């Protein structure tokens, strides 16, 4: 078959596990339908959702051999008239009982956390980094290039400083 699915039974198990995870995320996101949530699923392995200017897509990872952990990658970005912004990523590992599509306690907690994170990202976007004073962090000023320094020197000479 492939390095991901050595047997057809393992393939069916992983598709069942993905369905469990994506259904839980869909069920959580349905609460935002009245606010104008748009949501789509991509071929049983990814979920795309948009609310206002925030877009979140959740991709499920491919297993290697007989792994009991399903990897989720949440990517969030602001979409405006100028196209998508720089994305922010978060990874979650969801654990299943060996050989079944039943979540372990840790897996259930991880999936609940991922669903809450999905709702928060759709409502608010990614967390903003704050400075020690509690203000949003600004980007560092760029270092001046040689051309900029030369232009400043020329201007200073021209105005007599």
Protein backbone atom coordinates (compact mmCIF):
# COMPACT_ATOMS: atom_id res chain seq x y z
CA UNK A 1 0.00 0.00 0.00
CA UNK A 2 2.15 2.89 1.29
CA UNK A 3 4.47 3.88 4.13
CA UNK A 4 1.50 5.54 5.81
CA UNK A 5 -0.96 2.67 5.48
CA UNK A 6 0.66 -0.77 5.28
CA UNK A 7 -2.80 -2.40 5.24
CA UNK A 8 -6.33 -1.52 4.22
CA UNK A 9 -7.52 -2.00 7.83
CA UNK A 10 -5.07 0.63 9.06
CA UNK A 11 -6.24 3.03 6.35
CA UNK A 12 -9.87 2.57 7.44
CA UNK A 13 -8.88 3.10 11.09
CA UNK A 14 -7.14 6.40 10.31
CA UNK A 15 -10.03 7.66 8.23
CA UNK A 16 -12.33 6.81 11.14
CA UNK A 17 -10.04 8.67 13.57
CA UNK A 18 -9.95 11.70 11.31
CA UNK A 19 -13.74 11.66 11.09
CA UNK A 20 -13.99 11.63 14.91
CA UNK A 21 -11.67 14.64 15.21
CA UNK A 22 -13.21 16.69 12.40
CA UNK A 23 -16.74 15.97 13.66
CA UNK A 24 -15.80 17.26 17.13
CA UNK A 25 -14.37 20.46 15.58
CA UNK A 26 -17.45 20.91 13.37
CA UNK A 27 -19.76 20.42 16.36
CA UNK A 28 -17.86 23.06 18.32
CA UNK A 29 -17.85 25.55 15.44
CA UNK A 30 -21.59 25.22 14.78
CA UNK A 31 -22.21 27.50 17.77
CA UNK A 32 -20.81 30.38 15.67
CA UNK A 33 -23.23 29.82 12.74
CA UNK A 34 -25.54 32.71 13.79
CA UNK A 35 -22.54 35.08 13.68
CA UNK A 36 -21.93 34.29 9.98
CA UNK A 37 -19.50 31.37 10.12
CA UNK A 38 -18.51 29.83 6.78
CA UNK A 39 -17.16 26.27 7.03
CA UNK A 40 -15.98 23.60 4.58
CA UNK A 41 -14.31 20.22 4.84
CA UNK A 42 -11.65 19.11 2.37
CA UNK A 43 -11.80 15.45 1.38
CA UNK A 44 -12.08 14.19 4.95
CA UNK A 45 -8.70 15.47 6.14
CA UNK A 46 -8.95 19.25 6.62
CA UNK A 47 -11.46 21.78 7.90
CA UNK A 48 -11.63 25.41 6.73
CA UNK A 49 -13.60 28.05 8.64
CA UNK A 50 -14.02 31.82 8.27
CA UNK A 51 -15.70 34.29 10.58
CA UNK A 52 -15.40 37.98 9.80
CA UNK A 53 -11.83 38.69 8.73
CA UNK A 54 -10.30 35.64 10.47
CA UNK A 55 -9.73 32.40 8.60
CA UNK A 56 -8.68 29.17 10.29
CA UNK A 57 -7.84 25.91 8.61
CA UNK A 58 -7.18 22.72 10.52
CA UNK A 59 -5.21 19.96 8.79
CA UNK A 60 -4.86 16.43 10.08
CA UNK A 61 -1.47 14.77 9.78
CA UNK A 62 -0.55 11.47 8.15
CA UNK A 63 0.35 8.57 10.45
CA UNK A 64 3.55 6.64 10.15
CA UNK A 65 2.91 2.90 10.43
CA UNK A 66 0.87 2.14 13.57
CA UNK A 67 1.03 5.45 15.45
CA UNK A 68 -1.80 6.15 17.90
CA UNK A 69 -1.39 9.93 17.75
CA UNK A 70 -3.17 12.11 15.21
CA UNK A 71 -1.50 15.45 14.58
CA UNK A 72 -3.61 18.60 14.05
CA UNK A 73 -2.16 21.79 12.61
CA UNK A 74 -4.25 24.93 13.06
CA UNK A 75 -3.33 27.84 10.83
CA UNK A 76 -4.99 31.22 11.36
CA UNK A 77 -4.68 34.39 9.29
CA UNK A 78 -6.50 37.66 8.75
CA UNK A 79 -7.95 38.01 5.27
CA UNK A 80 -8.74 41.47 3.96
CA UNK A 81 -8.95 43.22 0.61
CA UNK A 82 -5.18 42.87 0.16
CA UNK A 83 -5.18 39.06 0.44
CA UNK A 84 -4.23 36.79 3.32
CA UNK A 85 -1.91 38.02 6.04
CA UNK A 86 0.97 36.22 7.70
CA UNK A 87 -0.34 32.98 9.24
CA UNK A 88 0.05 31.87 12.83
CA UNK A 89 0.38 28.14 13.55
CA UNK A 90 -0.48 25.85 16.45
CA UNK A 91 0.07 22.11 16.64
CA UNK A 92 -2.03 19.68 18.71
CA UNK A 93 -1.50 15.95 19.25
CA UNK A 94 -4.65 13.86 19.78
CA UNK A 95 -4.10 10.40 21.30
CA UNK A 96 -6.25 7.36 20.55
CA UNK A 97 -6.48 3.96 22.22
CA UNK A 98 -4.32 1.43 20.34
CA UNK A 99 -6.11 -0.10 17.36
CA UNK A 100 -9.37 1.84 17.84
CA UNK A 101 -10.92 5.19 17.01
CA UNK A 102 -11.62 5.80 20.71
CA UNK A 103 -9.95 8.82 22.29
CA UNK A 104 -7.84 8.39 25.41
CA UNK A 105 -8.37 10.82 28.31
CA UNK A 106 -5.37 12.85 27.16
CA UNK A 107 -6.69 12.73 23.60
CA UNK A 108 -10.12 13.93 24.69
CA UNK A 109 -8.54 16.80 26.63
CA UNK A 110 -6.36 17.72 23.63
CA UNK A 111 -9.34 17.63 21.27
CA UNK A 112 -11.43 19.77 23.63
CA UNK A 113 -8.55 22.25 23.83
CA UNK A 114 -8.23 22.29 20.03
CA UNK A 115 -11.97 22.96 19.66
CA UNK A 116 -11.81 25.82 22.18
CA UNK A 117 -8.75 27.20 20.39
CA UNK A 118 -10.60 27.04 17.05
CA UNK A 119 -13.49 29.08 18.48
CA UNK A 120 -11.15 31.63 20.09
CA UNK A 121 -9.14 32.03 16.88
CA UNK A 122 -12.29 32.57 14.82
CA UNK A 123 -13.59 35.20 17.27
CA UNK A 124 -10.37 37.02 18.23
CA UNK A 125 -7.49 35.85 16.06
CA UNK A 126 -4.11 34.80 17.45
CA UNK A 127 -2.87 36.08 20.79
CA UNK A 128 -1.08 39.43 20.62
CA UNK A 129 2.42 39.57 22.10
CA UNK A 130 2.65 42.17 24.85
CA UNK A 131 5.58 44.16 26.20
CA UNK A 132 6.48 44.31 29.91
CA UNK A 133 4.24 47.38 30.18
CA UNK A 134 1.25 45.44 28.82
CA UNK A 135 1.14 47.17 25.44
CA UNK A 136 1.17 45.35 22.08
CA UNK A 137 4.75 44.75 20.96
CA UNK A 138 5.86 46.78 17.95
CA UNK A 139 8.23 45.42 15.37
CA UNK A 140 11.86 46.36 15.79
CA UNK A 141 12.96 49.34 13.71
CA UNK A 142 14.91 48.34 10.65
CA UNK A 143 18.61 49.04 10.55
CA UNK A 144 19.41 51.76 8.03
CA UNK A 145 21.03 50.63 4.79
CA UNK A 146 24.11 52.24 3.26
CA UNK A 147 21.95 54.10 0.78
CA UNK A 148 19.80 55.48 3.60
CA UNK A 149 22.84 56.62 5.56
CA UNK A 150 24.30 58.25 2.43
CA UNK A 151 21.00 60.02 1.73
CA UNK A 152 20.85 61.30 5.32
CA UNK A 153 24.44 62.60 5.08
CA UNK A 154 23.71 64.33 1.76
CA UNK A 155 20.60 65.95 3.21
CA UNK A 156 22.48 67.10 6.33
CA UNK A 157 25.18 68.72 4.15
CA UNK A 158 22.56 70.37 1.95
CA UNK A 159 20.74 72.00 4.85
CA UNK A 160 24.00 72.94 6.56
CA UNK A 161 23.89 70.83 9.71
